[in-house]
Structure formats: structure tokens, C-alpha cells
């Protein structure tokens, strides 16, 4: 049986995850392509990893959202990261492990992980 306190904790965690996915965001934007091709290639675990890491690490002014197909199905899962410093960077053939590295090196460290980019 779940207690009221446990339900409140779940509610708070989910409220924060929903806030991460709001479209209007001035800071860093992380967008995971989630069309059928992306989902089939493994985009859902990538989205979950990115969202969880942003929340767990307390990264401020960052949204994690999703979009449809951008027409590069053979490069899925695709993640686009837009920052004021770097503009839009497109990461391709992502995995949850690569997503964790992008959070650490690009989002926190400020350095694009070039080997995972579309031009890498």
C-alpha cells in the first residue's frame, strides 16, 4: 500500500519533469526527435535519460522537449541542443549513455561532444 507521503513525493517529482518539458524556455533547449522512426531507434530511453539527468543534477534554465520527424531517419535517435553559446547542435545515433555524456560535457561543461554530432 502506498502512503500519502509517498504519493506526494511522486507528485513532486512528476511536477518537476513536466516543468522541464514546457515549450517556452529562454535558456538551454534539448529536443529529442520522437517520430515513429526515432521511437523505433530508441529515442524514448534517450528522452528519459536526458530528462532524469537534468532533474537529478539540478540543471537550471534548461528544457527537455520532443519534436516529430526532421527527415534524417537513418540517423535516429536525434537530439538537438540549443544554447546561447553554441546555437543549435545536432547529435545523432544517440543512446542513454551518449546522452549522459552530452549532459556532462556540453550542458554542464560547455563543450560540444563533436564525435556525436551530425558533422562529427
PDB file of N, CA and C in Angstrom:
ATOM      1  N   UNK A   1       0.836  -1.177   0.000  1.00  0.00           N
ATOM      2  CA  UNK A   1       0.000   0.000   0.000  1.00  0.00           C
ATOM      3  C   UNK A   1       0.888   1.250   0.000  1.00  0.00           C
ATOM      4  N   UNK A   2       0.503   2.235  -0.742  1.00  0.00           N
ATOM      5  CA  UNK A   2       1.255   3.475  -0.858  1.00  0.00           C
ATOM      6  C   UNK A   2       0.672   4.499   0.103  1.00  0.00           C
ATOM      7  N   UNK A   3       1.563   5.207   0.808  1.00  0.00           N
ATOM      8  CA  UNK A   3       1.111   6.210   1.767  1.00  0.00           C
ATOM      9  C   UNK A   3       0.905   7.549   1.076  1.00  0.00           C
ATOM     10  N   UNK A   4       0.247   8.460   1.754  1.00  0.00           N
ATOM     11  CA  UNK A   4       0.030   9.808   1.237  1.00  0.00           C
ATOM     12  C   UNK A   4       1.381  10.496   1.008  1.00  0.00           C
ATOM     13  N   UNK A   5       2.312  10.298   1.914  1.00  0.00           N
ATOM     14  CA  UNK A   5       3.645  10.911   1.772  1.00  0.00           C
ATOM     15  C   UNK A   5       4.351  10.400   0.516  1.00  0.00           C
ATOM     16  N   UNK A   6       4.228   9.103   0.252  1.00  0.00           N
ATOM     17  CA  UNK A   6       4.843   8.536  -0.958  1.00  0.00           C
ATOM     18  C   UNK A   6       4.187   9.091  -2.214  1.00  0.00           C
ATOM     19  N   UNK A   7       2.860   9.221  -2.185  1.00  0.00           N
ATOM     20  CA  UNK A   7       2.150   9.804  -3.328  1.00  0.00           C
ATOM     21  C   UNK A   7       2.553  11.262  -3.540  1.00  0.00           C
ATOM     22  N   UNK A   8       2.710  12.014  -2.461  1.00  0.00           N
ATOM     23  CA  UNK A   8       3.155  13.409  -2.570  1.00  0.00           C
ATOM     24  C   UNK A   8       4.554  13.503  -3.168  1.00  0.00           C
ATOM     25  N   UNK A   9       5.433  12.582  -2.789  1.00  0.00           N
ATOM     26  CA  UNK A   9       6.795  12.572  -3.348  1.00  0.00           C
ATOM     27  C   UNK A   9       6.761  12.281  -4.840  1.00  0.00           C
ATOM     28  N   UNK A  10       5.934  11.338  -5.251  1.00  0.00           N
ATOM     29  CA  UNK A  10       5.793  11.029  -6.679  1.00  0.00           C
ATOM     30  C   UNK A  10       5.240  12.236  -7.428  1.00  0.00           C
ATOM     31  N   UNK A  11       4.257  12.880  -6.853  1.00  0.00           N
ATOM     32  CA  UNK A  11       3.641  14.063  -7.467  1.00  0.00           C
ATOM     33  C   UNK A  11       4.677  15.166  -7.673  1.00  0.00           C
ATOM     34  N   UNK A  12       5.485  15.438  -6.659  1.00  0.00           N
ATOM     35  CA  UNK A  12       6.502  16.486  -6.765  1.00  0.00           C
ATOM     36  C   UNK A  12       7.531  16.167  -7.854  1.00  0.00           C
ATOM     37  N   UNK A  13       7.958  14.913  -7.923  1.00  0.00           N
ATOM     38  CA  UNK A  13       8.920  14.514  -8.951  1.00  0.00           C
ATOM     39  C   UNK A  13       8.327  14.709 -10.339  1.00  0.00           C
ATOM     40  N   UNK A  14       7.102  14.292 -10.532  1.00  0.00           N
ATOM     41  CA  UNK A  14       6.467  14.414 -11.836  1.00  0.00           C
ATOM     42  C   UNK A  14       6.170  15.862 -12.197  1.00  0.00           C
ATOM     43  N   UNK A  15       5.834  16.702 -11.208  1.00  0.00           N
ATOM     44  CA  UNK A  15       5.614  18.118 -11.481  1.00  0.00           C
ATOM     45  C   UNK A  15       6.874  18.744 -12.053  1.00  0.00           C
ATOM     46  N   UNK A  16       8.019  18.377 -11.492  1.00  0.00           N
ATOM     47  CA  UNK A  16       9.284  18.932 -11.979  1.00  0.00           C
ATOM     48  C   UNK A  16       9.579  18.432 -13.391  1.00  0.00           C
ATOM     49  N   UNK A  17       9.308  17.163 -13.681  1.00  0.00           N
ATOM     50  CA  UNK A  17       9.536  16.626 -15.016  1.00  0.00           C
ATOM     51  C   UNK A  17       8.649  17.319 -16.036  1.00  0.00           C
ATOM     52  N   UNK A  18       7.408  17.603 -15.683  1.00  0.00           N
ATOM     53  CA  UNK A  18       6.506  18.311 -16.587  1.00  0.00           C
ATOM     54  C   UNK A  18       7.026  19.729 -16.831  1.00  0.00           C
ATOM     55  N   UNK A  19       7.522  20.371 -15.796  1.00  0.00           N
ATOM     56  CA  UNK A  19       8.063  21.724 -15.958  1.00  0.00           C
ATOM     57  C   UNK A  19       9.249  21.741 -16.911  1.00  0.00           C
ATOM     58  N   UNK A  20      10.054  20.672 -16.925  1.00  0.00           N
ATOM     59  CA  UNK A  20      11.191  20.604 -17.846  1.00  0.00           C
ATOM     60  C   UNK A  20      10.752  20.574 -19.297  1.00  0.00           C
ATOM     61  N   UNK A  21       9.536  20.112 -19.546  1.00  0.00           N
ATOM     62  CA  UNK A  21       9.065  19.915 -20.913  1.00  0.00           C
ATOM     63  C   UNK A  21       8.266  21.091 -21.455  1.00  0.00           C
ATOM     64  N   UNK A  22       8.186  22.186 -20.728  1.00  0.00           N
ATOM     65  CA  UNK A  22       7.462  23.349 -21.215  1.00  0.00           C
ATOM     66  C   UNK A  22       8.166  23.896 -22.448  1.00  0.00           C
ATOM     67  N   UNK A  23       7.379  24.274 -23.433  1.00  0.00           N
ATOM     68  CA  UNK A  23       7.928  24.747 -24.709  1.00  0.00           C
ATOM     69  C   UNK A  23       8.660  26.086 -24.576  1.00  0.00           C
ATOM     70  N   UNK A  24       8.038  27.060 -23.929  1.00  0.00           N
ATOM     71  CA  UNK A  24       8.626  28.395 -23.860  1.00  0.00           C
ATOM     72  C   UNK A  24       9.746  28.403 -22.825  1.00  0.00           C
ATOM     73  N   UNK A  25      10.969  28.545 -23.316  1.00  0.00           N
ATOM     74  CA  UNK A  25      12.110  28.484 -22.413  1.00  0.00           C
ATOM     75  C   UNK A  25      13.223  29.354 -22.970  1.00  0.00           C
ATOM     76  N   UNK A  26      13.766  30.217 -22.141  1.00  0.00           N
ATOM     77  CA  UNK A  26      14.781  31.147 -22.602  1.00  0.00           C
ATOM     78  C   UNK A  26      16.179  30.558 -22.625  1.00  0.00           C
ATOM     79  N   UNK A  27      16.448  29.585 -21.793  1.00  0.00           N
ATOM     80  CA  UNK A  27      17.794  29.050 -21.660  1.00  0.00           C
ATOM     81  C   UNK A  27      18.101  27.941 -22.643  1.00  0.00           C
ATOM     82  N   UNK A  28      18.781  26.922 -22.168  1.00  0.00           N
ATOM     83  CA  UNK A  28      19.166  25.784 -22.993  1.00  0.00           C
ATOM     84  C   UNK A  28      17.938  24.946 -23.335  1.00  0.00           C
ATOM     85  N   UNK A  29      17.854  24.563 -24.596  1.00  0.00           N
ATOM     86  CA  UNK A  29      16.759  23.708 -25.041  1.00  0.00           C
ATOM     87  C   UNK A  29      17.329  22.394 -25.557  1.00  0.00           C
ATOM     88  N   UNK A  30      16.799  21.302 -25.055  1.00  0.00           N
ATOM     89  CA  UNK A  30      17.168  19.966 -25.506  1.00  0.00           C
ATOM     90  C   UNK A  30      15.912  19.366 -26.119  1.00  0.00           C
ATOM     91  N   UNK A  31      15.992  19.013 -27.408  1.00  0.00           N
ATOM     92  CA  UNK A  31      14.833  18.481 -28.121  1.00  0.00           C
ATOM     93  C   UNK A  31      15.177  17.099 -28.659  1.00  0.00           C
ATOM     94  N   UNK A  32      14.348  16.119 -28.320  1.00  0.00           N
ATOM     95  CA  UNK A  32      14.530  14.748 -28.799  1.00  0.00           C
ATOM     96  C   UNK A  32      13.489  14.486 -29.875  1.00  0.00           C
ATOM     97  N   UNK A  33      13.938  14.027 -31.041  1.00  0.00           N
ATOM     98  CA  UNK A  33      13.016  13.710 -32.130  1.00  0.00           C
ATOM     99  C   UNK A  33      12.302  12.405 -31.790  1.00  0.00           C
ATOM    100  N   UNK A  34      10.972  12.469 -31.738  1.00  0.00           N
ATOM    101  CA  UNK A  34      10.178  11.335 -31.260  1.00  0.00           C
ATOM    102  C   UNK A  34       9.110  10.900 -32.254  1.00  0.00           C
ATOM    103  N   UNK A  35       9.420  10.959 -33.543  1.00  0.00           N
ATOM    104  CA  UNK A  35       8.507  10.392 -34.530  1.00  0.00           C
ATOM    105  C   UNK A  35       8.650   8.872 -34.477  1.00  0.00           C
ATOM    106  N   UNK A  36       7.885   8.178 -35.280  1.00  0.00           N
ATOM    107  CA  UNK A  36       7.914   6.718 -35.269  1.00  0.00           C
ATOM    108  C   UNK A  36       9.323   6.189 -35.486  1.00  0.00           C
ATOM    109  N   UNK A  37      10.055   6.801 -36.423  1.00  0.00           N
ATOM    110  CA  UNK A  37      11.412   6.335 -36.703  1.00  0.00           C
ATOM    111  C   UNK A  37      12.323   6.514 -35.492  1.00  0.00           C
ATOM    112  N   UNK A  38      12.216   7.636 -34.800  1.00  0.00           N
ATOM    113  CA  UNK A  38      13.025   7.876 -33.610  1.00  0.00           C
ATOM    114  C   UNK A  38      12.698   6.929 -32.482  1.00  0.00           C
ATOM    115  N   UNK A  39      11.394   6.722 -32.256  1.00  0.00           N
ATOM    116  CA  UNK A  39      10.971   5.813 -31.191  1.00  0.00           C
ATOM    117  C   UNK A  39      11.472   4.400 -31.479  1.00  0.00           C
ATOM    118  N   UNK A  40      11.342   3.969 -32.738  1.00  0.00           N
ATOM    119  CA  UNK A  40      11.799   2.629 -33.115  1.00  0.00           C
ATOM    120  C   UNK A  40      13.305   2.477 -32.941  1.00  0.00           C
ATOM    121  N   UNK A  41      14.044   3.572 -33.114  1.00  0.00           N
ATOM    122  CA  UNK A  41      15.501   3.529 -32.990  1.00  0.00           C
ATOM    123  C   UNK A  41      15.979   3.666 -31.550  1.00  0.00           C
ATOM    124  N   UNK A  42      15.064   3.981 -30.610  1.00  0.00           N
ATOM    125  CA  UNK A  42      15.451   4.064 -29.201  1.00  0.00           C
ATOM    126  C   UNK A  42      15.400   5.450 -28.588  1.00  0.00           C
ATOM    127  N   UNK A  43      14.599   6.354 -29.146  1.00  0.00           N
ATOM    128  CA  UNK A  43      14.550   7.722 -28.635  1.00  0.00           C
ATOM    129  C   UNK A  43      13.915   7.830 -27.253  1.00  0.00           C
ATOM    130  N   UNK A  44      12.972   6.951 -26.937  1.00  0.00           N
ATOM    131  CA  UNK A  44      12.284   7.055 -25.643  1.00  0.00           C
ATOM    132  C   UNK A  44      13.254   6.925 -24.462  1.00  0.00           C
ATOM    133  N   UNK A  45      14.149   5.927 -24.430  1.00  0.00           N
ATOM    134  CA  UNK A  45      15.117   5.858 -23.320  1.00  0.00           C
ATOM    135  C   UNK A  45      16.085   7.045 -23.309  1.00  0.00           C
ATOM    136  N   UNK A  46      16.384   7.599 -24.482  1.00  0.00           N
ATOM    137  CA  UNK A  46      17.253   8.776 -24.555  1.00  0.00           C
ATOM    138  C   UNK A  46      16.555   9.974 -23.924  1.00  0.00           C
ATOM    139  N   UNK A  47      15.280  10.175 -24.272  1.00  0.00           N
ATOM    140  CA  UNK A  47      14.495  11.268 -23.691  1.00  0.00           C
ATOM    141  C   UNK A  47      14.427  11.112 -22.173  1.00  0.00           C
ATOM    142  N   UNK A  48      14.163   9.908 -21.714  1.00  0.00           N
ATOM    143  CA  UNK A  48      14.072   9.656 -20.270  1.00  0.00           C
ATOM    144  C   UNK A  48      15.404   9.946 -19.585  1.00  0.00           C
ATOM    145  N   UNK A  49      16.501   9.508 -20.187  1.00  0.00           N
ATOM    146  CA  UNK A  49      17.826   9.738 -19.595  1.00  0.00           C
ATOM    147  C   UNK A  49      18.129  11.225 -19.499  1.00  0.00           C
ATOM    148  N   UNK A  50      17.859  11.967 -20.567  1.00  0.00           N
ATOM    149  CA  UNK A  50      18.122  13.411 -20.563  1.00  0.00           C
ATOM    150  C   UNK A  50      17.268  14.107 -19.502  1.00  0.00           C
ATOM    151  N   UNK A  51      15.993  13.802 -19.475  1.00  0.00           N
ATOM    152  CA  UNK A  51      15.088  14.424 -18.513  1.00  0.00           C
ATOM    153  C   UNK A  51      15.498  14.104 -17.080  1.00  0.00           C
ATOM    154  N   UNK A  52      15.802  12.842 -16.823  1.00  0.00           N
ATOM    155  CA  UNK A  52      16.213  12.432 -15.476  1.00  0.00           C
ATOM    156  C   UNK A  52      17.496  13.123 -15.046  1.00  0.00           C
ATOM    157  N   UNK A  53      18.476  13.201 -15.946  1.00  0.00           N
ATOM    158  CA  UNK A  53      19.761  13.802 -15.584  1.00  0.00           C
ATOM    159  C   UNK A  53      19.631  15.299 -15.317  1.00  0.00           C
ATOM    160  N   UNK A  54      18.843  15.998 -16.133  1.00  0.00           N
ATOM    161  CA  UNK A  54      18.646  17.432 -15.909  1.00  0.00           C
ATOM    162  C   UNK A  54      18.025  17.645 -14.534  1.00  0.00           C
ATOM    163  N   UNK A  55      17.075  16.800 -14.193  1.00  0.00           N
ATOM    164  CA  UNK A  55      16.424  16.912 -12.892  1.00  0.00           C
ATOM    165  C   UNK A  55      17.368  16.522 -11.757  1.00  0.00           C
ATOM    166  N   UNK A  56      18.025  15.383 -11.880  1.00  0.00           N
ATOM    167  CA  UNK A  56      18.904  14.888 -10.811  1.00  0.00           C
ATOM    168  C   UNK A  56      20.066  15.830 -10.528  1.00  0.00           C
ATOM    169  N   UNK A  57      20.611  16.442 -11.570  1.00  0.00           N
ATOM    170  CA  UNK A  57      21.757  17.326 -11.399  1.00  0.00           C
ATOM    171  C   UNK A  57      21.334  18.762 -11.084  1.00  0.00           C
ATOM    172  N   UNK A  58      20.033  19.011 -11.048  1.00  0.00           N
ATOM    173  CA  UNK A  58      19.532  20.342 -10.705  1.00  0.00           C
ATOM    174  C   UNK A  58      19.935  21.400 -11.715  1.00  0.00           C
ATOM    175  N   UNK A  59      19.980  21.039 -12.983  1.00  0.00           N
ATOM    176  CA  UNK A  59      20.392  21.977 -14.032  1.00  0.00           C
ATOM    177  C   UNK A  59      19.260  22.970 -14.249  1.00  0.00           C
ATOM    178  N   UNK A  60      19.552  24.236 -14.052  1.00  0.00           N
ATOM    179  CA  UNK A  60      18.557  25.299 -14.155  1.00  0.00           C
ATOM    180  C   UNK A  60      18.468  25.830 -15.581  1.00  0.00           C
ATOM    181  N   UNK A  61      17.341  26.456 -15.880  1.00  0.00           N
ATOM    182  CA  UNK A  61      17.115  27.159 -17.142  1.00  0.00           C
ATOM    183  C   UNK A  61      17.325  26.260 -18.360  1.00  0.00           C
ATOM    184  N   UNK A  62      16.865  25.016 -18.255  1.00  0.00           N
ATOM    185  CA  UNK A  62      17.010  24.041 -19.328  1.00  0.00           C
ATOM    186  C   UNK A  62      15.697  23.291 -19.497  1.00  0.00           C
ATOM    187  N   UNK A  63      15.241  23.187 -20.748  1.00  0.00           N
ATOM    188  CA  UNK A  63      14.033  22.418 -21.018  1.00  0.00           C
ATOM    189  C   UNK A  63      14.384  21.177 -21.820  1.00  0.00           C
ATOM    190  N   UNK A  64      13.620  20.117 -21.608  1.00  0.00           N
ATOM    191  CA  UNK A  64      13.760  18.879 -22.369  1.00  0.00           C
ATOM    192  C   UNK A  64      12.407  18.625 -23.009  1.00  0.00           C
ATOM    193  N   UNK A  65      12.340  18.745 -24.333  1.00  0.00           N
ATOM    194  CA  UNK A  65      11.080  18.583 -25.047  1.00  0.00           C
ATOM    195  C   UNK A  65      11.260  17.573 -26.170  1.00  0.00           C
ATOM    196  N   UNK A  66      10.197  17.391 -26.939  1.00  0.00           N
ATOM    197  CA  UNK A  66      10.270  16.459 -28.055  1.00  0.00           C
ATOM    198  C   UNK A  66       9.671  17.097 -29.298  1.00  0.00           C
ATOM    199  N   UNK A  67      10.046  16.562 -30.447  1.00  0.00           N
ATOM    200  CA  UNK A  67       9.504  17.019 -31.718  1.00  0.00           C
ATOM    201  C   UNK A  67       9.218  15.795 -32.576  1.00  0.00           C
ATOM    202  N   UNK A  68       8.684  16.021 -33.748  1.00  0.00           N
ATOM    203  CA  UNK A  68       8.419  14.940 -34.692  1.00  0.00           C
ATOM    204  C   UNK A  68       9.631  14.674 -35.558  1.00  0.00           C
ATOM    205  N   UNK A  69       9.373  14.137 -36.714  1.00  0.00           N
ATOM    206  CA  UNK A  69      10.431  13.747 -37.647  1.00  0.00           C
ATOM    207  C   UNK A  69      11.078  14.983 -38.271  1.00  0.00           C
ATOM    208  N   UNK A  70      12.408  14.966 -38.392  1.00  0.00           N
ATOM    209  CA  UNK A  70      13.100  16.044 -39.086  1.00  0.00           C
ATOM    210  C   UNK A  70      13.701  15.549 -40.401  1.00  0.00           C
ATOM    211  N   UNK A  71      13.358  14.314 -40.783  1.00  0.00           N
ATOM    212  CA  UNK A  71      13.740  13.806 -42.094  1.00  0.00           C
ATOM    213  C   UNK A  71      15.090  13.124 -42.181  1.00  0.00           C
ATOM    214  N   UNK A  72      15.697  12.826 -41.058  1.00  0.00           N
ATOM    215  CA  UNK A  72      17.002  12.157 -41.056  1.00  0.00           C
ATOM    216  C   UNK A  72      16.879  10.803 -40.357  1.00  0.00           C
ATOM    217  N   UNK A  73      15.928  10.018 -40.823  1.00  0.00           N
ATOM    218  CA  UNK A  73      15.549   8.772 -40.138  1.00  0.00           C
ATOM    219  C   UNK A  73      16.725   7.818 -39.930  1.00  0.00           C
ATOM    220  N   UNK A  74      17.666   7.794 -40.845  1.00  0.00           N
ATOM    221  CA  UNK A  74      18.790   6.871 -40.706  1.00  0.00           C
ATOM    222  C   UNK A  74      19.769   7.291 -39.624  1.00  0.00           C
ATOM    223  N   UNK A  75      19.604   8.490 -39.068  1.00  0.00           N
ATOM    224  CA  UNK A  75      20.499   8.989 -38.018  1.00  0.00           C
ATOM    225  C   UNK A  75      19.846   8.999 -36.635  1.00  0.00           C
ATOM    226  N   UNK A  76      18.640   8.480 -36.534  1.00  0.00           N
ATOM    227  CA  UNK A  76      17.916   8.450 -35.262  1.00  0.00           C
ATOM    228  C   UNK A  76      18.589   7.515 -34.268  1.00  0.00           C
ATOM    229  N   UNK A  77      18.378   7.756 -32.997  1.00  0.00           N
ATOM    230  CA  UNK A  77      17.720   8.864 -32.332  1.00  0.00           C
ATOM    231  C   UNK A  77      18.544  10.159 -32.443  1.00  0.00           C
ATOM    232  N   UNK A  78      17.824  11.239 -32.683  1.00  0.00           N
ATOM    233  CA  UNK A  78      18.434  12.559 -32.864  1.00  0.00           C
ATOM    234  C   UNK A  78      18.066  13.443 -31.681  1.00  0.00           C
ATOM    235  N   UNK A  79      19.060  14.191 -31.185  1.00  0.00           N
ATOM    236  CA  UNK A  79      18.859  15.160 -30.111  1.00  0.00           C
ATOM    237  C   UNK A  79      19.449  16.483 -30.576  1.00  0.00           C
ATOM    238  N   UNK A  80      18.638  17.532 -30.500  1.00  0.00           N
ATOM    239  CA  UNK A  80      19.118  18.874 -30.828  1.00  0.00           C
ATOM    240  C   UNK A  80      19.270  19.672 -29.541  1.00  0.00           C
ATOM    241  N   UNK A  81      20.461  20.241 -29.352  1.00  0.00           N
ATOM    242  CA  UNK A  81      20.737  21.054 -28.171  1.00  0.00           C
ATOM    243  C   UNK A  81      20.983  22.479 -28.650  1.00  0.00           C
ATOM    244  N   UNK A  82      20.211  23.418 -28.117  1.00  0.00           N
ATOM    245  CA  UNK A  82      20.371  24.819 -28.485  1.00  0.00           C
ATOM    246  C   UNK A  82      20.770  25.610 -27.247  1.00  0.00           C
ATOM    247  N   UNK A  83      21.938  26.261 -27.352  1.00  0.00           N
ATOM    248  CA  UNK A  83      22.424  27.113 -26.268  1.00  0.00           C
ATOM    249  C   UNK A  83      22.773  28.487 -26.846  1.00  0.00           C
ATOM    250  N   UNK A  84      22.856  29.475 -25.997  1.00  0.00           N
ATOM    251  CA  UNK A  84      23.236  30.813 -26.443  1.00  0.00           C
ATOM    252  C   UNK A  84      24.660  30.808 -26.997  1.00  0.00           C
ATOM    253  N   UNK A  85      25.537  30.030 -26.402  1.00  0.00           N
ATOM    254  CA  UNK A  85      26.944  29.982 -26.801  1.00  0.00           C
ATOM    255  C   UNK A  85      27.147  29.273 -28.136  1.00  0.00           C
ATOM    256  N   UNK A  86      26.514  28.106 -28.321  1.00  0.00           N
ATOM    257  CA  UNK A  86      26.797  27.262 -29.481  1.00  0.00           C
ATOM    258  C   UNK A  86      25.723  27.277 -30.559  1.00  0.00           C
ATOM    259  N   UNK A  87      24.575  27.887 -30.306  1.00  0.00           N
ATOM    260  CA  UNK A  87      23.469  27.785 -31.244  1.00  0.00           C
ATOM    261  C   UNK A  87      22.933  26.363 -31.210  1.00  0.00           C
ATOM    262  N   UNK A  88      22.421  25.881 -32.347  1.00  0.00           N
ATOM    263  CA  UNK A  88      21.853  24.530 -32.397  1.00  0.00           C
ATOM    264  C   UNK A  88      22.929  23.528 -32.782  1.00  0.00           C
ATOM    265  N   UNK A  89      23.040  22.476 -31.970  1.00  0.00           N
ATOM    266  CA  UNK A  89      23.963  21.372 -32.229  1.00  0.00           C
ATOM    267  C   UNK A  89      23.103  20.111 -32.363  1.00  0.00           C
ATOM    268  N   UNK A  90      23.295  19.369 -33.444  1.00  0.00           N
ATOM    269  CA  UNK A  90      22.502  18.168 -33.692  1.00  0.00           C
ATOM    270  C   UNK A  90      23.343  16.933 -33.406  1.00  0.00           C
ATOM    271  N   UNK A  91      22.893  16.177 -32.398  1.00  0.00           N
ATOM    272  CA  UNK A  91      23.541  14.918 -32.035  1.00  0.00           C
ATOM    273  C   UNK A  91      22.762  13.774 -32.679  1.00  0.00           C
ATOM    274  N   UNK A  92      23.475  12.787 -33.217  1.00  0.00           N
ATOM    275  CA  UNK A  92      22.824  11.697 -33.937  1.00  0.00           C
ATOM    276  C   UNK A  92      23.207  10.336 -33.361  1.00  0.00           C
ATOM    277  N   UNK A  93      22.354   9.340 -33.667  1.00  0.00           N
ATOM    278  CA  UNK A  93      22.556   7.963 -33.214  1.00  0.00           C
ATOM    279  C   UNK A  93      22.832   7.913 -31.709  1.00  0.00           C
ATOM    280  N   UNK A  94      21.970   8.605 -30.971  1.00  0.00           N
ATOM    281  CA  UNK A  94      22.148   8.739 -29.533  1.00  0.00           C
ATOM    282  C   UNK A  94      21.705   7.493 -28.781  1.00  0.00           C
ATOM    283  N   UNK A  95      22.298   7.310 -27.613  1.00  0.00           N
ATOM    284  CA  UNK A  95      21.932   6.275 -26.654  1.00  0.00           C
ATOM    285  C   UNK A  95      21.814   6.965 -25.292  1.00  0.00           C
ATOM    286  N   UNK A  96      21.232   6.314 -24.303  1.00  0.00           N
ATOM    287  CA  UNK A  96      21.213   6.921 -22.972  1.00  0.00           C
ATOM    288  C   UNK A  96      22.621   7.220 -22.447  1.00  0.00           C
ATOM    289  N   UNK A  97      23.589   6.371 -22.773  1.00  0.00           N
ATOM    290  CA  UNK A  97      24.974   6.598 -22.324  1.00  0.00           C
ATOM    291  C   UNK A  97      25.570   7.831 -23.000  1.00  0.00           C
ATOM    292  N   UNK A  98      25.337   7.977 -24.296  1.00  0.00           N
ATOM    293  CA  UNK A  98      25.816   9.172 -25.009  1.00  0.00           C
ATOM    294  C   UNK A  98      25.107  10.415 -24.486  1.00  0.00           C
ATOM    295  N   UNK A  99      23.822  10.283 -24.174  1.00  0.00           N
ATOM    296  CA  UNK A  99      23.059  11.405 -23.631  1.00  0.00           C
ATOM    297  C   UNK A  99      23.665  11.880 -22.311  1.00  0.00           C
ATOM    298  N   UNK A 100      24.063  10.940 -21.470  1.00  0.00           N
ATOM    299  CA  UNK A 100      24.696  11.294 -20.194  1.00  0.00           C
ATOM    300  C   UNK A 100      25.989  12.065 -20.434  1.00  0.00           C
ATOM    301  N   UNK A 101      26.749  11.641 -21.435  1.00  0.00           N
ATOM    302  CA  UNK A 101      27.999  12.337 -21.760  1.00  0.00           C
ATOM    303  C   UNK A 101      27.723  13.746 -22.292  1.00  0.00           C
ATOM    304  N   UNK A 102      26.671  13.899 -23.089  1.00  0.00           N
ATOM    305  CA  UNK A 102      26.302  15.226 -23.599  1.00  0.00           C
ATOM    306  C   UNK A 102      25.897  16.141 -22.449  1.00  0.00           C
ATOM    307  N   UNK A 103      25.156  15.609 -21.484  1.00  0.00           N
ATOM    308  CA  UNK A 103      24.784  16.427 -20.317  1.00  0.00           C
ATOM    309  C   UNK A 103      26.043  16.884 -19.580  1.00  0.00           C
ATOM    310  N   UNK A 104      26.926  15.953 -19.287  1.00  0.00           N
ATOM    311  CA  UNK A 104      28.143  16.287 -18.533  1.00  0.00           C
ATOM    312  C   UNK A 104      29.052  17.260 -19.295  1.00  0.00           C
ATOM    313  N   UNK A 105      29.347  16.937 -20.539  1.00  0.00           N
ATOM    314  CA  UNK A 105      30.337  17.718 -21.287  1.00  0.00           C
ATOM    315  C   UNK A 105      29.766  18.972 -21.937  1.00  0.00           C
ATOM    316  N   UNK A 106      28.585  18.883 -22.543  1.00  0.00           N
ATOM    317  CA  UNK A 106      28.042  20.033 -23.268  1.00  0.00           C
ATOM    318  C   UNK A 106      27.188  20.922 -22.374  1.00  0.00           C
ATOM    319  N   UNK A 107      26.184  20.342 -21.733  1.00  0.00           N
ATOM    320  CA  UNK A 107      25.260  21.157 -20.945  1.00  0.00           C
ATOM    321  C   UNK A 107      25.947  21.715 -19.699  1.00  0.00           C
ATOM    322  N   UNK A 108      26.673  20.880 -18.971  1.00  0.00           N
ATOM    323  CA  UNK A 108      27.354  21.344 -17.757  1.00  0.00           C
ATOM    324  C   UNK A 108      28.719  21.953 -18.084  1.00  0.00           C
ATOM    325  N   UNK A 109      29.510  21.268 -18.919  1.00  0.00           N
ATOM    326  CA  UNK A 109      30.876  21.697 -19.199  1.00  0.00           C
ATOM    327  C   UNK A 109      31.042  22.726 -20.295  1.00  0.00           C
ATOM    328  N   UNK A 110      30.018  22.905 -21.141  1.00  0.00           N
ATOM    329  CA  UNK A 110      30.095  23.927 -22.181  1.00  0.00           C
ATOM    330  C   UNK A 110      30.851  23.521 -23.436  1.00  0.00           C
ATOM    331  N   UNK A 111      31.213  22.248 -23.563  1.00  0.00           N
ATOM    332  CA  UNK A 111      31.968  21.793 -24.740  1.00  0.00           C
ATOM    333  C   UNK A 111      31.137  20.799 -25.552  1.00  0.00           C
ATOM    334  N   UNK A 112      30.965  21.098 -26.838  1.00  0.00           N
ATOM    335  CA  UNK A 112      30.216  20.214 -27.725  1.00  0.00           C
ATOM    336  C   UNK A 112      30.940  18.871 -27.832  1.00  0.00           C
ATOM    337  N   UNK A 113      30.189  17.774 -27.791  1.00  0.00           N
ATOM    338  CA  UNK A 113      30.755  16.433 -27.947  1.00  0.00           C
ATOM    339  C   UNK A 113      30.742  16.136 -29.450  1.00  0.00           C
ATOM    340  N   UNK A 114      31.782  16.585 -30.137  1.00  0.00           N
ATOM    341  CA  UNK A 114      31.797  16.589 -31.604  1.00  0.00           C
ATOM    342  C   UNK A 114      31.646  15.217 -32.243  1.00  0.00           C
ATOM    343  N   UNK A 115      32.161  14.171 -31.602  1.00  0.00           N
ATOM    344  CA  UNK A 115      32.078  12.853 -32.229  1.00  0.00           C
ATOM    345  C   UNK A 115      30.646  12.329 -32.335  1.00  0.00           C
ATOM    346  N   UNK A 116      29.706  12.927 -31.607  1.00  0.00           N
ATOM    347  CA  UNK A 116      28.310  12.503 -31.682  1.00  0.00           C
ATOM    348  C   UNK A 116      27.457  13.414 -32.553  1.00  0.00           C
ATOM    349  N   UNK A 117      28.044  14.459 -33.123  1.00  0.00           N
ATOM    350  CA  UNK A 117      27.276  15.412 -33.906  1.00  0.00           C
ATOM    351  C   UNK A 117      27.080  14.943 -35.336  1.00  0.00           C
ATOM    352  N   UNK A 118      26.175  15.600 -36.001  1.00  0.00           N
ATOM    353  CA  UNK A 118      25.878  15.257 -37.390  1.00  0.00           C
ATOM    354  C   UNK A 118      27.106  15.488 -38.273  1.00  0.00           C
ATOM    355  N   UNK A 119      27.973  16.401 -37.868  1.00  0.00           N
ATOM    356  CA  UNK A 119      29.192  16.691 -38.636  1.00  0.00           C
ATOM    357  C   UNK A 119      30.420  15.977 -38.062  1.00  0.00           C
ATOM    358  N   UNK A 120      30.219  15.208 -36.988  1.00  0.00           N
ATOM    359  CA  UNK A 120      31.323  14.574 -36.265  1.00  0.00           C
ATOM    360  C   UNK A 120      31.988  13.523 -37.052  1.00  0.00           C
TER     361      UNK A 120
END
